[in-house]
Amino acid sequence: MKISVIILFVLSMIACESDRSSYSPEASHAKMGLMEVPDEEMIEIPVTKQLAPQGEQTMDRKLIKEGAMSFQCEDVVKTKAEVDKIIKELGAYSSSEGQDSYGRNLNFHQTIRVPAEKFDVLIQGLEALAIKVESKDINTRDVTEEFIDLETRLKTKKELESRYLEILKQARTVEDVLSVERELGNVRSEVESMEGRLNYIKNKVSFSTLNVNYYQLIDSDFGFSSKFIASFSNGWENLLSFLIGIMNLWPFVLLISGGIWLFIRWRKKKA
């Protein structure tokens, strides 16, 4: 039996099962019963009972929270210790850190991953360490539809994968085996891609991300004093370099000096 016939048979079976699943005898009887109930009895049904099914169908929204925050502090080193303490208490972690200085600012950067339900607590804790909050930007993205779509498609692909495995067991020729394995490989690749995307979304939903930058102002006199002291050192080094350069030119100095002396004597004799 050719593999194409088998695949067509499987696809037709999937379509038949889909049609059967869409038709439910219980649902049909329920609709008929609903049509037979008089209007008076329908009015007597409590409102809470009518709204109950809708409440049961409500699902948790899949929200990704991300933000950025910048603030001024008194001491970067001490603030870093306090931030680490807050991170540990909230069960969060720092995924990246960095320090730099620019102008009068000594900056420290951190990317913090925190459980989503403690995101607001983290921001409040950081604000308590600030002398002045320079900026704060929080974004919330709803990925519920994408999550549900991926779950549905993943379930369908896994069912198709199972059917291909059953077909593979029934394959008799090398051509049929290679054809099924090729299709099975494509399905598995799609399954792995969907699973990777689902895991990424789950991680982003479970742990919110906050990019935080805090800095302290460096005394402006510090920069001037450093440059003033450095200028003495640079001047001395330049003087030494000049003297060394002169010493390297001593033959030319002697020749020029001797030429001048001879020229002066010649002028005196001529006069």
C-alpha atoms as a PDB file:
ATOM      1  CA  MET A   1       0.000   0.000   0.000  1.00  0.00           C
ATOM      2  CA  LYS A   2       1.424   3.370  -1.073  1.00  0.00           C
ATOM      3  CA  ILE A   3       2.273   5.884   1.625  1.00  0.00           C
ATOM      4  CA  SER A   4       0.259   8.645  -0.060  1.00  0.00           C
ATOM      5  CA  VAL A   5      -2.905   6.548   0.339  1.00  0.00           C
ATOM      6  CA  ILE A   6      -2.110   6.032   4.016  1.00  0.00           C
ATOM      7  CA  ILE A   7      -1.584   9.753   4.601  1.00  0.00           C
ATOM      8  CA  LEU A   8      -4.836  10.616   2.828  1.00  0.00           C
ATOM      9  CA  PHE A   9      -6.593   8.050   5.000  1.00  0.00           C
ATOM     10  CA  VAL A  10      -5.123   9.587   8.176  1.00  0.00           C
ATOM     11  CA  LEU A  11      -6.143  13.106   7.127  1.00  0.00           C
ATOM     12  CA  SER A  12      -9.667  11.933   6.380  1.00  0.00           C
ATOM     13  CA  MET A  13      -9.840  10.269   9.790  1.00  0.00           C
ATOM     14  CA  ILE A  14      -8.747  13.561  11.435  1.00  0.00           C
ATOM     15  CA  ALA A  15     -11.490  15.423   9.574  1.00  0.00           C
ATOM     16  CA  CYS A  16     -14.116  12.844  10.589  1.00  0.00           C
ATOM     17  CA  GLU A  17     -13.073  13.024  14.228  1.00  0.00           C
ATOM     18  CA  SER A  18     -13.249  16.813  14.077  1.00  0.00           C
ATOM     19  CA  ASP A  19     -16.817  16.627  12.720  1.00  0.00           C
ATOM     20  CA  ARG A  20     -17.815  14.110  15.372  1.00  0.00           C
ATOM     21  CA  SER A  21     -16.297  16.207  18.141  1.00  0.00           C
ATOM     22  CA  SER A  22     -18.204  19.262  16.947  1.00  0.00           C
ATOM     23  CA  TYR A  23     -21.450  17.318  17.297  1.00  0.00           C
ATOM     24  CA  SER A  24     -22.380  16.318  20.835  1.00  0.00           C
ATOM     25  CA  PRO A  25     -25.641  14.478  21.660  1.00  0.00           C
ATOM     26  CA  GLU A  26     -25.614  16.009  25.129  1.00  0.00           C
ATOM     27  CA  ALA A  27     -25.344  19.483  23.644  1.00  0.00           C
ATOM     28  CA  SER A  28     -28.185  18.714  21.230  1.00  0.00           C
ATOM     29  CA  HIS A  29     -30.468  17.490  24.028  1.00  0.00           C
ATOM     30  CA  ALA A  30     -29.515  20.525  26.098  1.00  0.00           C
ATOM     31  CA  LYS A  31     -30.551  22.843  23.275  1.00  0.00           C
ATOM     32  CA  MET A  32     -33.862  21.029  22.812  1.00  0.00           C
ATOM     33  CA  GLY A  33     -34.523  21.169  26.537  1.00  0.00           C
ATOM     34  CA  LEU A  34     -33.785  24.866  26.561  1.00  0.00           C
ATOM     35  CA  MET A  35     -36.269  25.445  23.759  1.00  0.00           C
ATOM     36  CA  GLU A  36     -39.003  23.575  25.641  1.00  0.00           C
ATOM     37  CA  VAL A  37     -38.626  25.573  28.874  1.00  0.00           C
ATOM     38  CA  PRO A  38     -41.377  28.210  29.149  1.00  0.00           C
ATOM     39  CA  ASP A  39     -40.446  31.862  29.440  1.00  0.00           C
ATOM     40  CA  GLU A  40     -41.785  32.014  32.998  1.00  0.00           C
ATOM     41  CA  GLU A  41     -39.377  29.314  34.202  1.00  0.00           C
ATOM     42  CA  MET A  42     -36.456  30.986  32.483  1.00  0.00           C
ATOM     43  CA  ILE A  43     -37.205  34.228  34.306  1.00  0.00           C
ATOM     44  CA  GLU A  44     -37.207  32.396  37.670  1.00  0.00           C
ATOM     45  CA  ILE A  45     -33.609  31.163  37.217  1.00  0.00           C
ATOM     46  CA  PRO A  46     -31.318  33.087  39.650  1.00  0.00           C
ATOM     47  CA  VAL A  47     -28.905  35.526  38.069  1.00  0.00           C
ATOM     48  CA  THR A  48     -25.934  33.916  39.838  1.00  0.00           C
ATOM     49  CA  LYS A  49     -26.637  30.565  38.181  1.00  0.00           C
ATOM     50  CA  GLN A  50     -26.792  32.166  34.748  1.00  0.00           C
ATOM     51  CA  LEU A  51     -23.428  33.937  35.223  1.00  0.00           C
ATOM     52  CA  ALA A  52     -21.615  30.968  36.771  1.00  0.00           C
ATOM     53  CA  PRO A  53     -20.511  29.314  33.489  1.00  0.00           C
ATOM     54  CA  GLN A  54     -18.974  32.579  32.289  1.00  0.00           C
ATOM     55  CA  GLY A  55     -16.937  32.863  35.476  1.00  0.00           C
ATOM     56  CA  GLU A  56     -15.688  29.293  35.066  1.00  0.00           C
ATOM     57  CA  GLN A  57     -14.459  30.050  31.569  1.00  0.00           C
ATOM     58  CA  THR A  58     -12.310  33.008  32.732  1.00  0.00           C
ATOM     59  CA  MET A  59      -8.598  32.206  32.491  1.00  0.00           C
ATOM     60  CA  ASP A  60      -5.509  33.925  33.827  1.00  0.00           C
ATOM     61  CA  ARG A  61      -4.073  36.535  31.512  1.00  0.00           C
ATOM     62  CA  LYS A  62      -0.489  36.029  30.364  1.00  0.00           C
ATOM     63  CA  LEU A  63       1.224  39.378  30.963  1.00  0.00           C
ATOM     64  CA  ILE A  64       4.870  40.286  30.383  1.00  0.00           C
ATOM     65  CA  LYS A  65       6.103  43.159  32.545  1.00  0.00           C
ATOM     66  CA  GLU A  66       9.282  45.023  31.641  1.00  0.00           C
ATOM     67  CA  GLY A  67      10.679  48.332  32.802  1.00  0.00           C
ATOM     68  CA  ALA A  68      13.624  50.694  33.144  1.00  0.00           C
ATOM     69  CA  MET A  69      14.536  52.956  36.047  1.00  0.00           C
ATOM     70  CA  SER A  70      17.265  55.508  36.771  1.00  0.00           C
ATOM     71  CA  PHE A  71      17.934  57.289  40.064  1.00  0.00           C
ATOM     72  CA  GLN A  72      20.571  59.234  41.983  1.00  0.00           C
ATOM     73  CA  CYS A  73      22.023  57.840  45.214  1.00  0.00           C
ATOM     74  CA  GLU A  74      24.506  59.006  47.848  1.00  0.00           C
ATOM     75  CA  ASP A  75      26.998  56.157  47.497  1.00  0.00           C
ATOM     76  CA  VAL A  76      27.027  53.623  44.644  1.00  0.00           C
ATOM     77  CA  VAL A  77      28.851  50.938  46.646  1.00  0.00           C
ATOM     78  CA  LYS A  78      26.443  51.100  49.590  1.00  0.00           C
ATOM     79  CA  THR A  79      23.430  51.273  47.270  1.00  0.00           C
ATOM     80  CA  LYS A  80      24.676  48.194  45.389  1.00  0.00           C
ATOM     81  CA  ALA A  81      24.787  46.274  48.686  1.00  0.00           C
ATOM     82  CA  GLU A  82      21.212  47.372  49.508  1.00  0.00           C
ATOM     83  CA  VAL A  83      19.982  46.424  46.022  1.00  0.00           C
ATOM     84  CA  ASP A  84      21.547  42.962  46.360  1.00  0.00           C
ATOM     85  CA  LYS A  85      19.794  42.566  49.698  1.00  0.00           C
ATOM     86  CA  ILE A  86      16.411  43.444  48.164  1.00  0.00           C
ATOM     87  CA  ILE A  87      17.045  41.058  45.256  1.00  0.00           C
ATOM     88  CA  LYS A  88      17.767  38.192  47.647  1.00  0.00           C
ATOM     89  CA  GLU A  89      14.682  38.884  49.791  1.00  0.00           C
ATOM     90  CA  LEU A  90      12.374  38.871  46.740  1.00  0.00           C
ATOM     91  CA  GLY A  91      13.797  35.685  45.240  1.00  0.00           C
ATOM     92  CA  ALA A  92      15.062  37.630  42.224  1.00  0.00           C
ATOM     93  CA  TYR A  93      18.447  37.588  40.509  1.00  0.00           C
ATOM     94  CA  SER A  94      20.735  39.949  38.604  1.00  0.00           C
ATOM     95  CA  SER A  95      21.317  38.736  35.038  1.00  0.00           C
ATOM     96  CA  SER A  96      23.891  41.406  34.152  1.00  0.00           C
ATOM     97  CA  GLU A  97      25.876  44.154  35.902  1.00  0.00           C
ATOM     98  CA  GLY A  98      28.281  46.912  34.897  1.00  0.00           C
ATOM     99  CA  GLN A  99      29.967  50.050  36.201  1.00  0.00           C
ATOM    100  CA  ASP A 100      31.333  53.142  34.466  1.00  0.00           C
ATOM    101  CA  SER A 101      32.038  56.827  35.067  1.00  0.00           C
ATOM    102  CA  TYR A 102      31.090  59.671  32.782  1.00  0.00           C
ATOM    103  CA  GLY A 103      31.674  63.335  33.570  1.00  0.00           C
ATOM    104  CA  ARG A 104      30.680  63.895  37.177  1.00  0.00           C
ATOM    105  CA  ASN A 105      28.678  60.642  37.440  1.00  0.00           C
ATOM    106  CA  LEU A 106      29.782  57.260  38.777  1.00  0.00           C
ATOM    107  CA  ASN A 107      27.184  54.816  37.352  1.00  0.00           C
ATOM    108  CA  PHE A 108      26.173  51.245  38.087  1.00  0.00           C
ATOM    109  CA  HIS A 109      23.881  49.255  35.771  1.00  0.00           C
ATOM    110  CA  GLN A 110      21.903  46.122  36.611  1.00  0.00           C
ATOM    111  CA  THR A 111      19.340  43.955  34.817  1.00  0.00           C
ATOM    112  CA  ILE A 112      17.124  42.370  37.456  1.00  0.00           C
ATOM    113  CA  ARG A 113      14.787  39.390  36.900  1.00  0.00           C
ATOM    114  CA  VAL A 114      12.127  39.259  39.605  1.00  0.00           C
ATOM    115  CA  PRO A 115       8.997  37.097  40.111  1.00  0.00           C
ATOM    116  CA  ALA A 116       6.148  38.917  38.356  1.00  0.00           C
ATOM    117  CA  GLU A 117       4.030  39.221  41.490  1.00  0.00           C
ATOM    118  CA  LYS A 118       6.881  41.035  43.284  1.00  0.00           C
ATOM    119  CA  PHE A 119       7.706  43.479  40.472  1.00  0.00           C
ATOM    120  CA  ASP A 120       5.990  46.438  42.165  1.00  0.00           C
ATOM    121  CA  VAL A 121       7.630  45.609  45.500  1.00  0.00           C
ATOM    122  CA  LEU A 122      11.051  45.742  43.807  1.00  0.00           C
ATOM    123  CA  ILE A 123      10.353  49.192  42.348  1.00  0.00           C
ATOM    124  CA  GLN A 124       9.169  50.501  45.725  1.00  0.00           C
ATOM    125  CA  GLY A 125      12.324  49.169  47.390  1.00  0.00           C
ATOM    126  CA  LEU A 126      14.568  50.864  44.821  1.00  0.00           C
ATOM    127  CA  GLU A 127      12.701  54.151  45.088  1.00  0.00           C
ATOM    128  CA  ALA A 128      13.377  54.129  48.840  1.00  0.00           C
ATOM    129  CA  LEU A 129      17.129  54.134  48.095  1.00  0.00           C
ATOM    130  CA  ALA A 130      16.961  57.092  45.734  1.00  0.00           C
ATOM    131  CA  ILE A 131      17.808  60.714  46.439  1.00  0.00           C
ATOM    132  CA  LYS A 132      16.060  61.596  43.190  1.00  0.00           C
ATOM    133  CA  VAL A 133      14.314  59.360  40.640  1.00  0.00           C
ATOM    134  CA  GLU A 134      15.424  60.542  37.211  1.00  0.00           C
ATOM    135  CA  SER A 135      13.182  58.295  35.114  1.00  0.00           C
ATOM    136  CA  LYS A 136      10.859  55.301  35.378  1.00  0.00           C
ATOM    137  CA  ASP A 137       9.255  53.486  32.446  1.00  0.00           C
ATOM    138  CA  ILE A 138       7.057  50.396  32.924  1.00  0.00           C
ATOM    139  CA  ASN A 139       5.493  48.387  30.078  1.00  0.00           C
ATOM    140  CA  THR A 140       2.963  45.539  30.269  1.00  0.00           C
ATOM    141  CA  ARG A 141       2.353  43.321  27.243  1.00  0.00           C
ATOM    142  CA  ASP A 142      -0.581  40.879  26.990  1.00  0.00           C
ATOM    143  CA  VAL A 143       0.478  37.636  25.252  1.00  0.00           C
ATOM    144  CA  THR A 144      -2.558  35.554  26.205  1.00  0.00           C
ATOM    145  CA  GLU A 145      -3.769  35.064  22.628  1.00  0.00           C
ATOM    146  CA  GLU A 146      -0.337  34.020  21.389  1.00  0.00           C
ATOM    147  CA  PHE A 147       0.035  31.608  24.327  1.00  0.00           C
ATOM    148  CA  ILE A 148      -3.348  29.946  23.698  1.00  0.00           C
ATOM    149  CA  ASP A 149      -2.682  29.741  19.959  1.00  0.00           C
ATOM    150  CA  LEU A 150       0.697  28.098  20.523  1.00  0.00           C
ATOM    151  CA  GLU A 151      -0.749  25.581  22.984  1.00  0.00           C
ATOM    152  CA  THR A 152      -3.521  24.629  20.542  1.00  0.00           C
ATOM    153  CA  ARG A 153      -1.177  24.293  17.576  1.00  0.00           C
ATOM    154  CA  LEU A 154       1.321  22.335  19.657  1.00  0.00           C
ATOM    155  CA  LYS A 155      -1.360  19.859  20.721  1.00  0.00           C
ATOM    156  CA  THR A 156      -2.409  19.362  17.086  1.00  0.00           C
ATOM    157  CA  LYS A 157       1.193  18.866  15.940  1.00  0.00           C
ATOM    158  CA  LYS A 158       1.848  16.300  18.670  1.00  0.00           C
ATOM    159  CA  GLU A 159      -1.264  14.360  17.640  1.00  0.00           C
ATOM    160  CA  LEU A 160      -0.057  14.424  14.043  1.00  0.00           C
ATOM    161  CA  GLU A 161       3.367  13.251  15.203  1.00  0.00           C
ATOM    162  CA  SER A 162       1.764  10.288  16.981  1.00  0.00           C
ATOM    163  CA  ARG A 163      -0.159   9.361  13.828  1.00  0.00           C
ATOM    164  CA  TYR A 164       3.003   9.501  11.726  1.00  0.00           C
ATOM    165  CA  LEU A 165       4.690   7.179  14.216  1.00  0.00           C
ATOM    166  CA  GLU A 166       1.843   4.698  13.813  1.00  0.00           C
ATOM    167  CA  ILE A 167       2.107   4.948  10.025  1.00  0.00           C
ATOM    168  CA  LEU A 168       5.863   4.398  10.263  1.00  0.00           C
ATOM    169  CA  LYS A 169       5.264   1.083  12.023  1.00  0.00           C
ATOM    170  CA  GLN A 170       3.078  -0.044   9.102  1.00  0.00           C
ATOM    171  CA  ALA A 171       5.485   1.068   6.346  1.00  0.00           C
ATOM    172  CA  ARG A 172       6.833  -1.849   4.310  1.00  0.00           C
ATOM    173  CA  THR A 173       9.074  -0.333   1.660  1.00  0.00           C
ATOM    174  CA  VAL A 174      12.197   1.805   1.997  1.00  0.00           C
ATOM    175  CA  GLU A 175      10.487   4.548  -0.010  1.00  0.00           C
ATOM    176  CA  ASP A 176       7.559   4.625   2.391  1.00  0.00           C
ATOM    177  CA  VAL A 177       9.844   4.670   5.444  1.00  0.00           C
ATOM    178  CA  LEU A 178      11.914   7.558   4.082  1.00  0.00           C
ATOM    179  CA  SER A 179       8.793   9.523   3.119  1.00  0.00           C
ATOM    180  CA  VAL A 180       7.217   9.161   6.561  1.00  0.00           C
ATOM    181  CA  GLU A 181      10.474   9.936   8.364  1.00  0.00           C
ATOM    182  CA  ARG A 182      10.839  13.113   6.292  1.00  0.00           C
ATOM    183  CA  GLU A 183       7.352  14.286   7.238  1.00  0.00           C
ATOM    184  CA  LEU A 184       7.941  13.206  10.841  1.00  0.00           C
ATOM    185  CA  GLY A 185      11.146  15.263  10.961  1.00  0.00           C
ATOM    186  CA  ASN A 186       9.290  18.366   9.746  1.00  0.00           C
ATOM    187  CA  VAL A 187       6.609  17.910  12.405  1.00  0.00           C
ATOM    188  CA  ARG A 188       9.152  17.385  15.160  1.00  0.00           C
ATOM    189  CA  SER A 189      11.001  20.535  14.094  1.00  0.00           C
ATOM    190  CA  GLU A 190       7.767  22.531  14.367  1.00  0.00           C
ATOM    191  CA  VAL A 191       6.998  20.949  17.751  1.00  0.00           C
ATOM    192  CA  GLU A 192      10.437  21.890  19.124  1.00  0.00           C
ATOM    193  CA  SER A 193      10.078  25.440  17.803  1.00  0.00           C
ATOM    194  CA  MET A 194       6.650  25.858  19.428  1.00  0.00           C
ATOM    195  CA  GLU A 195       7.856  24.355  22.712  1.00  0.00           C
ATOM    196  CA  GLY A 196      10.818  26.743  22.726  1.00  0.00           C
ATOM    197  CA  ARG A 197       8.558  29.735  22.142  1.00  0.00           C
ATOM    198  CA  LEU A 198       6.135  28.580  24.862  1.00  0.00           C
ATOM    199  CA  ASN A 199       8.974  28.153  27.367  1.00  0.00           C
ATOM    200  CA  TYR A 200      10.271  31.633  26.479  1.00  0.00           C
ATOM    201  CA  ILE A 201       6.834  33.184  27.071  1.00  0.00           C
ATOM    202  CA  LYS A 202       6.398  31.272  30.337  1.00  0.00           C
ATOM    203  CA  ASN A 203       9.770  32.527  31.559  1.00  0.00           C
ATOM    204  CA  LYS A 204       8.982  36.129  30.584  1.00  0.00           C
ATOM    205  CA  VAL A 205       5.557  35.922  32.261  1.00  0.00           C
ATOM    206  CA  SER A 206       6.898  34.307  35.448  1.00  0.00           C
ATOM    207  CA  PHE A 207       9.884  36.672  35.826  1.00  0.00           C
ATOM    208  CA  SER A 208       9.604  40.360  35.019  1.00  0.00           C
ATOM    209  CA  THR A 209      12.658  42.330  33.842  1.00  0.00           C
ATOM    210  CA  LEU A 210      13.833  45.675  35.214  1.00  0.00           C
ATOM    211  CA  ASN A 211      16.855  47.544  33.838  1.00  0.00           C
ATOM    212  CA  VAL A 212      18.049  49.834  36.622  1.00  0.00           C
ATOM    213  CA  ASN A 213      20.771  52.482  36.622  1.00  0.00           C
ATOM    214  CA  TYR A 214      21.857  54.333  39.769  1.00  0.00           C
ATOM    215  CA  TYR A 215      24.636  56.882  40.092  1.00  0.00           C
ATOM    216  CA  GLN A 216      26.383  59.233  42.492  1.00  0.00           C
ATOM    217  CA  LEU A 217      27.799  62.659  41.762  1.00  0.00           C
ATOM    218  CA  ILE A 218      31.586  62.959  42.025  1.00  0.00           C
ATOM    219  CA  ASP A 219      33.002  66.162  43.556  1.00  0.00           C
ATOM    220  CA  SER A 220      33.957  68.516  40.719  1.00  0.00           C
ATOM    221  CA  ASP A 221      37.125  69.640  42.625  1.00  0.00           C
ATOM    222  CA  PHE A 222      38.378  66.089  42.380  1.00  0.00           C
ATOM    223  CA  GLY A 223      38.640  66.288  38.616  1.00  0.00           C
ATOM    224  CA  PHE A 224      40.381  69.718  38.674  1.00  0.00           C
ATOM    225  CA  SER A 225      42.925  68.669  41.314  1.00  0.00           C
ATOM    226  CA  SER A 226      43.778  65.506  39.433  1.00  0.00           C
ATOM    227  CA  LYS A 227      44.375  67.402  36.223  1.00  0.00           C
ATOM    228  CA  PHE A 228      46.407  70.096  38.033  1.00  0.00           C
ATOM    229  CA  ILE A 229      48.718  67.525  39.635  1.00  0.00           C
ATOM    230  CA  ALA A 230      48.997  65.612  36.372  1.00  0.00           C
ATOM    231  CA  SER A 231      50.106  68.802  34.587  1.00  0.00           C
ATOM    232  CA  PHE A 232      53.249  69.032  36.793  1.00  0.00           C
ATOM    233  CA  SER A 233      54.134  65.450  36.029  1.00  0.00           C
ATOM    234  CA  ASN A 234      53.575  65.957  32.323  1.00  0.00           C
ATOM    235  CA  GLY A 235      55.659  69.197  32.324  1.00  0.00           C
ATOM    236  CA  TRP A 236      58.612  67.485  33.996  1.00  0.00           C
ATOM    237  CA  GLU A 237      58.467  64.604  31.538  1.00  0.00           C
ATOM    238  CA  ASN A 238      58.380  67.067  28.621  1.00  0.00           C
ATOM    239  CA  LEU A 239      61.430  68.938  29.991  1.00  0.00           C
ATOM    240  CA  LEU A 240      63.394  65.710  30.287  1.00  0.00           C
ATOM    241  CA  SER A 241      62.386  64.739  26.772  1.00  0.00           C
ATOM    242  CA  PHE A 242      63.595  68.136  25.484  1.00  0.00           C
ATOM    243  CA  LEU A 243      66.983  67.814  27.203  1.00  0.00           C
ATOM    244  CA  ILE A 244      67.430  64.305  25.899  1.00  0.00           C
ATOM    245  CA  GLY A 245      66.618  65.549  22.427  1.00  0.00           C
ATOM    246  CA  ILE A 246      69.255  68.291  22.712  1.00  0.00           C
ATOM    247  CA  MET A 247      71.836  65.764  23.839  1.00  0.00           C
ATOM    248  CA  ASN A 248      71.097  63.637  20.802  1.00  0.00           C
ATOM    249  CA  LEU A 249      71.920  66.650  18.586  1.00  0.00           C
ATOM    250  CA  TRP A 250      75.325  67.513  20.195  1.00  0.00           C
ATOM    251  CA  PRO A 251      77.402  66.958  16.994  1.00  0.00           C
ATOM    252  CA  PHE A 252      75.273  69.469  15.117  1.00  0.00           C
ATOM    253  CA  VAL A 253      75.519  71.921  18.045  1.00  0.00           C
ATOM    254  CA  LEU A 254      79.351  71.724  17.942  1.00  0.00           C
ATOM    255  CA  LEU A 255      79.477  72.200  14.165  1.00  0.00           C
ATOM    256  CA  ILE A 256      77.152  75.182  14.279  1.00  0.00           C
ATOM    257  CA  SER A 257      79.008  76.722  17.256  1.00  0.00           C
ATOM    258  CA  GLY A 258      82.392  76.256  15.511  1.00  0.00           C
ATOM    259  CA  GLY A 259      81.077  77.790  12.315  1.00  0.00           C
ATOM    260  CA  ILE A 260      79.809  80.839  14.160  1.00  0.00           C
ATOM    261  CA  TRP A 261      83.139  81.263  15.990  1.00  0.00           C
ATOM    262  CA  LEU A 262      85.130  81.066  12.725  1.00  0.00           C
ATOM    263  CA  PHE A 263      82.801  83.539  11.038  1.00  0.00           C
ATOM    264  CA  ILE A 264      83.222  86.069  13.879  1.00  0.00           C
ATOM    265  CA  ARG A 265      87.051  85.824  13.755  1.00  0.00           C
ATOM    266  CA  TRP A 266      87.020  86.258   9.987  1.00  0.00           C
ATOM    267  CA  ARG A 267      84.949  89.423  10.286  1.00  0.00           C
ATOM    268  CA  LYS A 268      87.296  90.870  12.920  1.00  0.00           C
ATOM    269  CA  LYS A 269      90.411  90.280  10.786  1.00  0.00           C
ATOM    270  CA  LYS A 270      88.765  91.825   7.762  1.00  0.00           C
ATOM    271  CA  ALA A 271      87.755  94.859   9.770  1.00  0.00           C
END
